[in-house]
Protein backbone atom coordinates (compact mmCIF):
# COMPACT_ATOMS: atom_id res chain seq x y z
CA MET A 1 -7.77 -49.51 -95.11
CA TYR A 2 -9.88 -47.21 -95.32
CA LEU A 3 -13.50 -47.33 -93.33
CA ILE A 4 -16.35 -44.97 -93.49
CA ILE A 5 -19.89 -46.13 -90.71
CA VAL A 6 -23.31 -44.56 -91.11
CA TYR A 7 -25.48 -44.76 -88.83
CA ASP A 8 -29.29 -43.94 -87.64
CA THR A 9 -30.41 -45.05 -83.92
CA GLU A 10 -32.17 -43.58 -80.88
CA LYS A 11 -31.86 -40.13 -80.20
CA ASN A 12 -30.49 -41.63 -76.09
CA ASN A 13 -28.08 -44.21 -77.92
CA CYS A 14 -26.50 -41.83 -80.36
CA VAL A 15 -24.15 -40.19 -77.70
CA LYS A 16 -23.13 -43.74 -76.49
CA LEU A 17 -22.05 -44.27 -80.26
CA HIS A 18 -20.16 -41.48 -80.76
CA LYS A 19 -17.98 -41.05 -78.63
CA LEU A 20 -17.68 -45.06 -79.14
CA LEU A 21 -16.44 -43.83 -83.41
CA LYS A 22 -14.49 -41.31 -81.99
CA ARG A 23 -11.33 -43.44 -80.38
CA PHE A 24 -11.05 -44.75 -83.74
CA LEU A 25 -13.05 -42.20 -87.16
CA ASN A 26 -12.73 -38.68 -87.67
CA TRP A 27 -16.04 -37.71 -87.27
CA ASN A 28 -17.49 -36.16 -90.96
CA GLN A 29 -21.00 -34.74 -89.41
CA ASN A 30 -24.31 -36.10 -88.14
CA SER A 31 -23.27 -39.42 -87.49
CA VAL A 32 -20.78 -40.41 -90.20
CA PHE A 33 -17.51 -40.79 -89.29
CA GLU A 34 -14.46 -41.78 -91.61
CA GLY A 35 -10.86 -43.00 -91.86
CA ASN A 36 -7.61 -45.70 -92.21
CA VAL A 37 -8.02 -48.38 -89.25
CA THR A 38 -5.85 -51.72 -88.86
CA GLU A 39 -8.25 -54.56 -90.41
CA ALA A 40 -7.77 -55.84 -85.86
CA GLN A 41 -9.47 -51.93 -85.56
CA TYR A 42 -12.33 -52.92 -87.66
CA VAL A 43 -12.66 -56.20 -85.89
CA GLU A 44 -12.63 -54.03 -81.89
CA ILE A 45 -14.87 -51.58 -83.90
CA ARG A 46 -17.46 -53.58 -85.08
CA THR A 47 -18.16 -56.03 -82.17
CA LEU A 48 -18.10 -52.64 -79.43
CA LEU A 49 -21.11 -51.09 -81.96
CA GLU A 50 -23.40 -54.69 -81.80
CA GLU A 51 -22.65 -54.45 -78.30
CA LYS A 52 -23.40 -50.98 -77.42
CA ARG A 53 -25.61 -49.64 -80.01
CA ALA A 54 -29.50 -50.11 -79.83
CA ALA A 55 -32.06 -52.79 -80.98
CA GLU A 56 -33.68 -51.01 -83.12
CA SER A 57 -30.23 -48.68 -84.46
CA PHE A 58 -28.41 -49.40 -87.71
CA ILE A 59 -25.15 -49.79 -88.86
CA THR A 60 -23.28 -49.53 -92.86
CA PHE A 61 -19.49 -49.54 -93.08
CA TYR A 62 -17.71 -49.17 -96.35
CA ALA A 63 -14.95 -50.47 -95.88
CA ILE A 64 -12.19 -50.43 -99.04
CA ASP A 65 -8.31 -51.56 -99.01
CA SER A 66 -7.23 -47.80 -99.66
CA ALA A 67 -7.96 -44.66 -99.25
CA LYS A 68 -6.88 -43.69 -102.57
CA LEU A 69 -9.28 -45.60 -104.59
CA LEU A 70 -11.90 -43.30 -102.62
CA LYS A 71 -12.60 -40.15 -104.52
CA LYS A 72 -14.88 -37.58 -102.23
CA GLU A 73 -16.57 -34.81 -103.04
CA GLU A 74 -18.32 -31.81 -100.42
CA LEU A 75 -20.53 -29.60 -101.09
CA GLY A 76 -21.30 -27.44 -97.56
CA GLN A 77 -19.90 -27.16 -94.11
CA SER A 78 -18.59 -30.02 -92.69
CA ARG A 79 -19.82 -31.03 -89.20
CA GLY A 80 -16.84 -32.97 -88.21
CA ASN A 81 -13.13 -32.52 -87.98
CA THR A 82 -11.40 -34.72 -90.41
CA SER A 83 -7.43 -33.04 -90.25
CA ASN A 84 -5.36 -35.06 -88.85
CA ILE A 85 -3.28 -32.35 -87.30
CA LEU A 86 -3.06 -31.76 -83.42
């Protein structure tokens, strides 16, 4: 599945969530991650975020069956790296 996660959290919690999500997804821009994950990875991500997030955090998950179904347009310079090439 293709997953996009957007979050808003306290300043002190940003680094923790950023490091956690970078293990599974590509960093797109501030507080936005995306990429292909398995169903098991999706469950793991949700569980870890529930444990690591600050109480006041707000996290949104957008999941679709295939990246082919997603139309994506971008304006400006990306802050993250969505390349899978090493």
